[in-house]
C-alpha atoms as a PDB file:
ATOM      1  CA  MET A   1     -57.079   3.492  64.822  1.00  0.00           C
ATOM      2  CA  ARG A   2     -58.824   0.707  63.258  1.00  0.00           C
ATOM      3  CA  ILE A   3     -60.941  -0.738  66.225  1.00  0.00           C
ATOM      4  CA  LEU A   4     -63.060  -4.102  66.124  1.00  0.00           C
ATOM      5  CA  VAL A   5     -65.908  -3.612  68.779  1.00  0.00           C
ATOM      6  CA  ALA A   6     -67.423  -6.932  70.253  1.00  0.00           C
ATOM      7  CA  GLU A   7     -70.609  -6.129  72.042  1.00  0.00           C
ATOM      8  CA  ASP A   8     -73.868  -8.128  71.882  1.00  0.00           C
ATOM      9  CA  ASP A   9     -76.321  -5.395  73.055  1.00  0.00           C
ATOM     10  CA  ASP A  10     -77.316  -3.354  69.834  1.00  0.00           C
ATOM     11  CA  ARG A  11     -78.158  -0.256  71.859  1.00  0.00           C
ATOM     12  CA  THR A  12     -74.678  -0.239  73.909  1.00  0.00           C
ATOM     13  CA  ALA A  13     -72.891  -1.149  70.652  1.00  0.00           C
ATOM     14  CA  ASN A  14     -74.600   1.624  68.609  1.00  0.00           C
ATOM     15  CA  TYR A  15     -73.565   4.222  71.329  1.00  0.00           C
ATOM     16  CA  LEU A  16     -70.104   3.226  71.259  1.00  0.00           C
ATOM     17  CA  VAL A  17     -69.453   2.592  67.426  1.00  0.00           C
ATOM     18  CA  ARG A  18     -71.222   6.007  66.764  1.00  0.00           C
ATOM     19  CA  GLY A  19     -68.707   7.704  69.327  1.00  0.00           C
ATOM     20  CA  LEU A  20     -65.696   5.943  68.038  1.00  0.00           C
ATOM     21  CA  ILE A  21     -66.177   6.917  64.504  1.00  0.00           C
ATOM     22  CA  GLU A  22     -67.266  10.656  65.452  1.00  0.00           C
ATOM     23  CA  SER A  23     -63.805  10.559  67.103  1.00  0.00           C
ATOM     24  CA  GLY A  24     -62.209   9.814  63.772  1.00  0.00           C
ATOM     25  CA  HIS A  25     -61.632   5.901  64.100  1.00  0.00           C
ATOM     26  CA  ILE A  26     -62.552   3.113  61.790  1.00  0.00           C
ATOM     27  CA  VAL A  27     -64.630   0.641  63.426  1.00  0.00           C
ATOM     28  CA  ASP A  28     -66.125  -2.799  62.673  1.00  0.00           C
ATOM     29  CA  ARG A  29     -68.677  -4.356  65.156  1.00  0.00           C
ATOM     30  CA  VAL A  30     -69.549  -8.026  65.777  1.00  0.00           C
ATOM     31  CA  ALA A  31     -71.976  -9.535  68.422  1.00  0.00           C
ATOM     32  CA  ASP A  32     -70.689 -12.796  69.396  1.00  0.00           C
ATOM     33  CA  GLY A  33     -66.987 -14.063  70.811  1.00  0.00           C
ATOM     34  CA  GLU A  34     -66.323 -16.515  67.917  1.00  0.00           C
ATOM     35  CA  THR A  35     -66.673 -13.951  65.169  1.00  0.00           C
ATOM     36  CA  ALA A  36     -64.936 -11.572  67.223  1.00  0.00           C
ATOM     37  CA  LEU A  37     -61.834 -13.952  67.850  1.00  0.00           C
ATOM     38  CA  ALA A  38     -61.675 -14.848  64.131  1.00  0.00           C
ATOM     39  CA  MET A  39     -61.659 -11.284  63.119  1.00  0.00           C
ATOM     40  CA  ALA A  40     -58.958 -10.373  65.589  1.00  0.00           C
ATOM     41  CA  LEU A  41     -56.908 -12.823  64.228  1.00  0.00           C
ATOM     42  CA  GLU A  42     -56.960 -11.148  60.796  1.00  0.00           C
ATOM     43  CA  GLY A  43     -54.166  -9.119  62.033  1.00  0.00           C
ATOM     44  CA  ILE A  44     -55.885  -5.723  60.610  1.00  0.00           C
ATOM     45  CA  TYR A  45     -56.959  -4.182  63.967  1.00  0.00           C
ATOM     46  CA  GLU A  46     -55.191  -1.627  66.054  1.00  0.00           C
ATOM     47  CA  ALA A  47     -57.608  -2.332  69.211  1.00  0.00           C
ATOM     48  CA  LEU A  48     -60.176  -4.479  70.422  1.00  0.00           C
ATOM     49  CA  VAL A  49     -63.063  -3.474  72.607  1.00  0.00           C
ATOM     50  CA  LEU A  50     -65.100  -6.227  73.852  1.00  0.00           C
ATOM     51  CA  ASP A  51     -67.859  -7.055  76.341  1.00  0.00           C
ATOM     52  CA  ARG A  52     -67.098  -9.688  79.056  1.00  0.00           C
ATOM     53  CA  MET A  53     -70.235 -11.365  78.606  1.00  0.00           C
ATOM     54  CA  LEU A  54     -70.623 -12.764  74.823  1.00  0.00           C
ATOM     55  CA  PRO A  55     -72.533 -15.263  73.188  1.00  0.00           C
ATOM     56  CA  ALA A  56     -70.796 -18.444  71.484  1.00  0.00           C
ATOM     57  CA  MET A  57     -67.431 -17.648  73.454  1.00  0.00           C
ATOM     58  CA  ASP A  58     -67.073 -15.246  76.485  1.00  0.00           C
ATOM     59  CA  GLY A  59     -64.789 -12.570  76.667  1.00  0.00           C
ATOM     60  CA  LEU A  60     -62.223 -14.014  79.070  1.00  0.00           C
ATOM     61  CA  THR A  61     -61.866 -17.264  76.608  1.00  0.00           C
ATOM     62  CA  LEU A  62     -61.500 -15.118  73.785  1.00  0.00           C
ATOM     63  CA  VAL A  63     -58.794 -13.229  75.107  1.00  0.00           C
ATOM     64  CA  ARG A  64     -56.988 -16.243  76.400  1.00  0.00           C
ATOM     65  CA  ARG A  65     -57.248 -17.846  73.114  1.00  0.00           C
ATOM     66  CA  LEU A  66     -56.223 -14.591  71.216  1.00  0.00           C
ATOM     67  CA  ARG A  67     -53.040 -14.225  73.246  1.00  0.00           C
ATOM     68  CA  GLU A  68     -52.113 -17.555  72.382  1.00  0.00           C
ATOM     69  CA  HIS A  69     -51.529 -16.142  68.715  1.00  0.00           C
ATOM     70  CA  ASP A  70     -51.219 -12.183  69.163  1.00  0.00           C
ATOM     71  CA  PRO A  71     -49.701 -11.097  72.232  1.00  0.00           C
ATOM     72  CA  ARG A  72     -49.579  -7.589  71.245  1.00  0.00           C
ATOM     73  CA  LEU A  73     -53.112  -6.583  69.845  1.00  0.00           C
ATOM     74  CA  PRO A  74     -54.604  -3.831  72.571  1.00  0.00           C
ATOM     75  CA  VAL A  75     -57.519  -5.258  74.467  1.00  0.00           C
ATOM     76  CA  LEU A  76     -59.908  -3.046  76.496  1.00  0.00           C
ATOM     77  CA  MET A  77     -62.571  -5.211  78.026  1.00  0.00           C
ATOM     78  CA  LEU A  78     -65.954  -3.661  79.250  1.00  0.00           C
ATOM     79  CA  SER A  79     -67.935  -5.324  81.736  1.00  0.00           C
ATOM     80  CA  ALA A  80     -70.881  -4.622  84.363  1.00  0.00           C
ATOM     81  CA  VAL A  81     -68.964  -7.099  86.726  1.00  0.00           C
ATOM     82  CA  ALA A  82     -66.961  -4.982  88.715  1.00  0.00           C
ATOM     83  CA  SER A  83     -65.367  -6.432  91.796  1.00  0.00           C
ATOM     84  CA  THR A  84     -61.577  -6.446  92.407  1.00  0.00           C
ATOM     85  CA  ALA A  85     -61.421 -10.056  91.818  1.00  0.00           C
ATOM     86  CA  ASP A  86     -63.136  -9.681  88.456  1.00  0.00           C
ATOM     87  CA  ARG A  87     -60.870  -7.079  87.174  1.00  0.00           C
ATOM     88  CA  VAL A  88     -57.785  -9.175  88.027  1.00  0.00           C
ATOM     89  CA  GLU A  89     -59.145 -12.057  86.389  1.00  0.00           C
ATOM     90  CA  GLY A  90     -59.485 -10.208  83.373  1.00  0.00           C
ATOM     91  CA  MET A  91     -55.957  -8.510  83.337  1.00  0.00           C
ATOM     92  CA  ARG A  92     -54.342 -12.014  83.937  1.00  0.00           C
ATOM     93  CA  ALA A  93     -56.478 -13.196  80.867  1.00  0.00           C
ATOM     94  CA  GLY A  94     -54.677 -10.921  78.688  1.00  0.00           C
ATOM     95  CA  CYS A  95     -56.587  -7.664  78.832  1.00  0.00           C
ATOM     96  CA  ASP A  96     -54.475  -4.327  78.552  1.00  0.00           C
ATOM     97  CA  ASP A  97     -57.431  -2.425  80.443  1.00  0.00           C
ATOM     98  CA  TYR A  98     -60.595  -2.975  82.025  1.00  0.00           C
ATOM     99  CA  LEU A  99     -63.384  -0.471  82.482  1.00  0.00           C
ATOM    100  CA  THR A 100     -66.661  -1.044  84.277  1.00  0.00           C
ATOM    101  CA  LYS A 101     -69.977  -0.339  83.194  1.00  0.00           C
ATOM    102  CA  PRO A 102     -71.592   2.021  82.966  1.00  0.00           C
ATOM    103  CA  TYR A 103     -68.776   4.100  81.740  1.00  0.00           C
ATOM    104  CA  VAL A 104     -68.232   7.502  80.568  1.00  0.00           C
ATOM    105  CA  PHE A 105     -67.190   7.568  76.831  1.00  0.00           C
ATOM    106  CA  VAL A 106     -64.618  10.227  76.909  1.00  0.00           C
ATOM    107  CA  GLU A 107     -62.774   7.932  79.638  1.00  0.00           C
ATOM    108  CA  LEU A 108     -63.133   4.954  77.327  1.00  0.00           C
ATOM    109  CA  LEU A 109     -61.690   7.139  74.591  1.00  0.00           C
ATOM    110  CA  ALA A 110     -58.759   8.358  76.623  1.00  0.00           C
ATOM    111  CA  ARG A 111     -57.920   4.881  77.627  1.00  0.00           C
ATOM    112  CA  LEU A 112     -58.136   3.433  74.065  1.00  0.00           C
ATOM    113  CA  GLU A 113     -55.751   6.405  72.933  1.00  0.00           C
ATOM    114  CA  ALA A 114     -53.307   5.379  75.667  1.00  0.00           C
ATOM    115  CA  LEU A 115     -53.351   1.883  74.389  1.00  0.00           C
ATOM    116  CA  GLY A 116     -52.687   3.168  71.070  1.00  0.00           C
ATOM    117  CA  ARG A 117     -49.739   5.047  71.913  1.00  0.00           C
ATOM    118  CA  ARG A 118     -48.203   2.326  74.004  1.00  0.00           C
ATOM    119  CA  ALA A 119     -48.782  -0.123  70.728  1.00  0.00           C
ATOM    120  CA  ASP A 120     -47.097   2.500  68.796  1.00  0.00           C
ATOM    121  CA  ARG A 121     -43.825   2.576  70.864  1.00  0.00           C
ATOM    122  CA  SER A 122     -43.884  -1.379  71.191  1.00  0.00           C
ATOM    123  CA  ARG A 123     -44.092  -1.723  67.094  1.00  0.00           C
ATOM    124  CA  ARG A 124     -41.184   0.558  66.601  1.00  0.00           C
ATOM    125  CA  LEU A 125     -39.073  -1.389  69.334  1.00  0.00           C
ATOM    126  CA  ALA A 126     -40.340  -4.348  67.484  1.00  0.00           C
ATOM    127  CA  VAL A 127     -38.132  -3.515  64.167  1.00  0.00           C
ATOM    128  CA  LEU A 128     -34.482  -4.577  64.558  1.00  0.00           C
ATOM    129  CA  ARG A 129     -31.926  -3.408  62.113  1.00  0.00           C
ATOM    130  CA  VAL A 130     -28.362  -4.480  61.436  1.00  0.00           C
ATOM    131  CA  GLY A 131     -26.871  -2.943  58.172  1.00  0.00           C
ATOM    132  CA  ASP A 132     -29.365  -3.619  55.426  1.00  0.00           C
ATOM    133  CA  LEU A 133     -30.999  -6.443  57.365  1.00  0.00           C
ATOM    134  CA  GLU A 134     -34.423  -5.630  58.864  1.00  0.00           C
ATOM    135  CA  LEU A 135     -36.160  -8.060  61.197  1.00  0.00           C
ATOM    136  CA  ASP A 136     -39.876  -7.313  62.669  1.00  0.00           C
ATOM    137  CA  THR A 137     -40.431  -9.403  65.716  1.00  0.00           C
ATOM    138  CA  VAL A 138     -43.964  -8.989  65.632  1.00  0.00           C
ATOM    139  CA  SER A 139     -44.874 -10.219  62.017  1.00  0.00           C
ATOM    140  CA  ARG A 140     -42.036 -12.459  62.163  1.00  0.00           C
ATOM    141  CA  THR A 141     -40.647 -11.031  58.829  1.00  0.00           C
ATOM    142  CA  VAL A 142     -37.290 -10.466  57.693  1.00  0.00           C
ATOM    143  CA  LEU A 143     -35.764  -8.160  54.696  1.00  0.00           C
ATOM    144  CA  ARG A 144     -32.347  -8.193  53.341  1.00  0.00           C
ATOM    145  CA  ALA A 145     -31.647  -5.108  51.289  1.00  0.00           C
ATOM    146  CA  GLY A 146     -35.626  -4.715  50.879  1.00  0.00           C
ATOM    147  CA  ARG A 147     -35.897  -8.496  49.880  1.00  0.00           C
ATOM    148  CA  PRO A 148     -38.088 -10.730  52.016  1.00  0.00           C
ATOM    149  CA  VAL A 149     -36.128 -13.786  53.517  1.00  0.00           C
ATOM    150  CA  THR A 150     -38.178 -16.658  54.517  1.00  0.00           C
ATOM    151  CA  LEU A 151     -37.181 -18.473  57.603  1.00  0.00           C
ATOM    152  CA  GLN A 152     -38.312 -21.507  59.446  1.00  0.00           C
ATOM    153  CA  ARG A 153     -39.357 -20.616  63.311  1.00  0.00           C
ATOM    154  CA  ARG A 154     -35.832 -21.628  64.793  1.00  0.00           C
ATOM    155  CA  GLU A 155     -33.982 -19.848  62.091  1.00  0.00           C
ATOM    156  CA  PHE A 156     -35.933 -16.721  62.895  1.00  0.00           C
ATOM    157  CA  LEU A 157     -35.476 -17.143  66.731  1.00  0.00           C
ATOM    158  CA  LEU A 158     -31.483 -17.846  66.129  1.00  0.00           C
ATOM    159  CA  LEU A 159     -31.467 -14.581  63.888  1.00  0.00           C
ATOM    160  CA  GLU A 160     -33.205 -12.581  66.484  1.00  0.00           C
ATOM    161  CA  GLN A 161     -30.782 -13.573  69.125  1.00  0.00           C
ATOM    162  CA  LEU A 162     -27.989 -12.618  66.913  1.00  0.00           C
ATOM    163  CA  VAL A 163     -29.654  -8.996  66.100  1.00  0.00           C
ATOM    164  CA  ARG A 164     -30.466  -8.293  69.542  1.00  0.00           C
ATOM    165  CA  HIS A 165     -26.688  -8.587  70.573  1.00  0.00           C
ATOM    166  CA  ALA A 166     -25.385  -7.304  67.199  1.00  0.00           C
ATOM    167  CA  GLY A 167     -21.586  -6.698  67.567  1.00  0.00           C
ATOM    168  CA  GLN A 168     -21.213  -9.034  70.395  1.00  0.00           C
ATOM    169  CA  VAL A 169     -20.462 -12.733  70.644  1.00  0.00           C
ATOM    170  CA  VAL A 170     -23.291 -14.907  71.028  1.00  0.00           C
ATOM    171  CA  THR A 171     -22.413 -18.434  72.463  1.00  0.00           C
ATOM    172  CA  ARG A 172     -23.911 -21.599  71.378  1.00  0.00           C
ATOM    173  CA  SER A 173     -25.396 -22.131  74.729  1.00  0.00           C
ATOM    174  CA  MET A 174     -27.355 -18.581  74.136  1.00  0.00           C
ATOM    175  CA  LEU A 175     -28.510 -19.817  70.770  1.00  0.00           C
ATOM    176  CA  LEU A 176     -29.661 -22.948  72.076  1.00  0.00           C
ATOM    177  CA  GLU A 177     -31.486 -21.384  74.888  1.00  0.00           C
ATOM    178  CA  ALA A 178     -33.349 -18.861  72.485  1.00  0.00           C
ATOM    179  CA  ALA A 179     -34.385 -21.392  69.966  1.00  0.00           C
ATOM    180  CA  TRP A 180     -34.941 -24.367  71.823  1.00  0.00           C
ATOM    181  CA  ASP A 181     -37.291 -25.623  75.010  1.00  0.00           C
ATOM    182  CA  TYR A 182     -35.305 -25.788  78.210  1.00  0.00           C
ATOM    183  CA  ASP A 183     -35.584 -29.288  78.627  1.00  0.00           C
ATOM    184  CA  PHE A 184     -34.270 -29.991  75.234  1.00  0.00           C
ATOM    185  CA  GLU A 185     -31.134 -32.115  75.232  1.00  0.00           C
ATOM    186  CA  ALA A 186     -28.669 -31.011  72.371  1.00  0.00           C
ATOM    187  CA  ARG A 187     -27.248 -33.618  70.264  1.00  0.00           C
ATOM    188  CA  GLY A 188     -24.064 -33.054  68.019  1.00  0.00           C
ATOM    189  CA  ASN A 189     -23.809 -29.661  66.190  1.00  0.00           C
ATOM    190  CA  ILE A 190     -27.507 -28.907  66.045  1.00  0.00           C
ATOM    191  CA  VAL A 191     -26.820 -24.952  66.310  1.00  0.00           C
ATOM    192  CA  ASP A 192     -24.138 -25.085  64.050  1.00  0.00           C
ATOM    193  CA  MET A 193     -26.348 -26.931  61.397  1.00  0.00           C
ATOM    194  CA  HIS A 194     -28.825 -24.579  62.008  1.00  0.00           C
ATOM    195  CA  ILE A 195     -26.682 -21.277  61.549  1.00  0.00           C
ATOM    196  CA  HIS A 196     -25.198 -22.894  58.372  1.00  0.00           C
ATOM    197  CA  ARG A 197     -28.905 -22.976  56.868  1.00  0.00           C
ATOM    198  CA  LEU A 198     -29.690 -19.487  58.088  1.00  0.00           C
ATOM    199  CA  ARG A 199     -26.344 -18.176  56.776  1.00  0.00           C
ATOM    200  CA  LYS A 200     -27.309 -19.400  53.495  1.00  0.00           C
ATOM    201  CA  LYS A 201     -30.602 -17.583  53.428  1.00  0.00           C
ATOM    202  CA  ILE A 202     -29.321 -14.309  55.013  1.00  0.00           C
ATOM    203  CA  ASP A 203     -26.030 -13.822  53.517  1.00  0.00           C
ATOM    204  CA  GLU A 204     -25.559 -15.750  50.010  1.00  0.00           C
ATOM    205  CA  GLY A 205     -26.363 -13.804  46.880  1.00  0.00           C
ATOM    206  CA  PHE A 206     -25.628 -10.302  49.024  1.00  0.00           C
ATOM    207  CA  SER A 207     -22.739  -7.709  48.614  1.00  0.00           C
ATOM    208  CA  TYR A 208     -21.213  -8.888  51.926  1.00  0.00           C
ATOM    209  CA  PRO A 209     -21.791 -11.271  54.780  1.00  0.00           C
ATOM    210  CA  LEU A 210     -23.361 -10.429  58.274  1.00  0.00           C
ATOM    211  CA  ILE A 211     -23.289 -13.362  60.515  1.00  0.00           C
ATOM    212  CA  ARG A 212     -19.499 -14.491  61.267  1.00  0.00           C
ATOM    213  CA  THR A 213     -18.163 -17.246  63.019  1.00  0.00           C
ATOM    214  CA  VAL A 214     -16.086 -16.494  66.143  1.00  0.00           C
ATOM    215  CA  PRO A 215     -13.581 -19.282  66.467  1.00  0.00           C
ATOM    216  CA  GLY A 216     -13.859 -21.086  69.844  1.00  0.00           C
ATOM    217  CA  ALA A 217     -16.778 -18.870  70.961  1.00  0.00           C
ATOM    218  CA  GLY A 218     -19.772 -18.915  68.673  1.00  0.00           C
ATOM    219  CA  TYR A 219     -21.183 -16.494  66.422  1.00  0.00           C
ATOM    220  CA  MET A 220     -21.628 -12.945  65.837  1.00  0.00           C
ATOM    221  CA  ILE A 221     -23.689 -10.532  63.414  1.00  0.00           C
ATOM    222  CA  ARG A 222     -22.066  -6.966  62.662  1.00  0.00           C
ATOM    223  CA  GLU A 223     -22.661  -4.159  60.249  1.00  0.00           C
ATOM    224  CA  PRO A 224     -20.026  -4.198  57.274  1.00  0.00           C
ATOM    225  CA  ASP A 225     -18.086  -1.168  58.337  1.00  0.00           C
ATOM    226  CA  ASP A 226     -17.265  -3.100  61.886  1.00  0.00           C
ATOM    227  CA  THR A 227     -15.706  -5.995  60.681  1.00  0.00           C
ATOM    228  CA  ALA A 228     -12.231  -4.774  60.084  1.00  0.00           C
ATOM    229  CA  GLU A 229     -10.871  -7.037  62.887  1.00  0.00           C
ATOM    230  CA  GLN A 230     -12.947 -10.077  62.347  1.00  0.00           C
ATOM    231  CA  PRO A 231     -10.732 -12.881  61.623  1.00  0.00           C
ATOM    232  CA  ASP A 232     -13.566 -15.089  60.160  1.00  0.00           C
ATOM    233  CA  GLN A 233     -15.566 -14.039  57.190  1.00  0.00           C
ATOM    234  CA  GLY A 234     -18.014 -16.757  57.139  1.00  0.00           C
ATOM    235  CA  ALA A 235     -16.782 -20.153  57.687  1.00  0.00           C
ATOM    236  CA  ASP A 236     -18.658 -22.568  59.522  1.00  0.00           C
END
């Protein structure tokens, strides 16, 4: 794994970094919270190990701000603050694990490896496919026949809802709940307008359509060999 270590004490950091490197990991180390957050948000790390008490930005604040942008990066917090209330506070802030100092390195390594396995499973589940369409819910990227498709935020949310229910009718109410806030007051045919734009990006220029209209019900996305009984081939 490529691991970012945020620890301001040089002796503690050197011990940790050396052990991780000797265990086969790639490690970068920073000494303050602000730098750690900026580097964590680059999206190149597979785990973050951080001290709770950091200069510039404490560990709890760092994790809370990180979770606003990245809900999946595994975070292991290290701290000499060891009460139950403190551990609970760390977990609620967004940490995946919390290890108190002093710690045994082999335990830290085992916990990191467990977080890495969990993250790998999440990444596999995060990639959704229908036919030649591939949707990555972590990176928010879409490929159709290997070609990238650029979508706006709501278009992506609508497509994700359709793909998660592939082969099933997705009603306009379901789509509205997926892409708009609960207190949003829908006006006119806003869902149909967005689906129309989405369909142009997903289907136009490709050999067959994926997004289908189900008259009087909603929309559906299906693989091409499942469309024999589908009455509508794409009209809005």
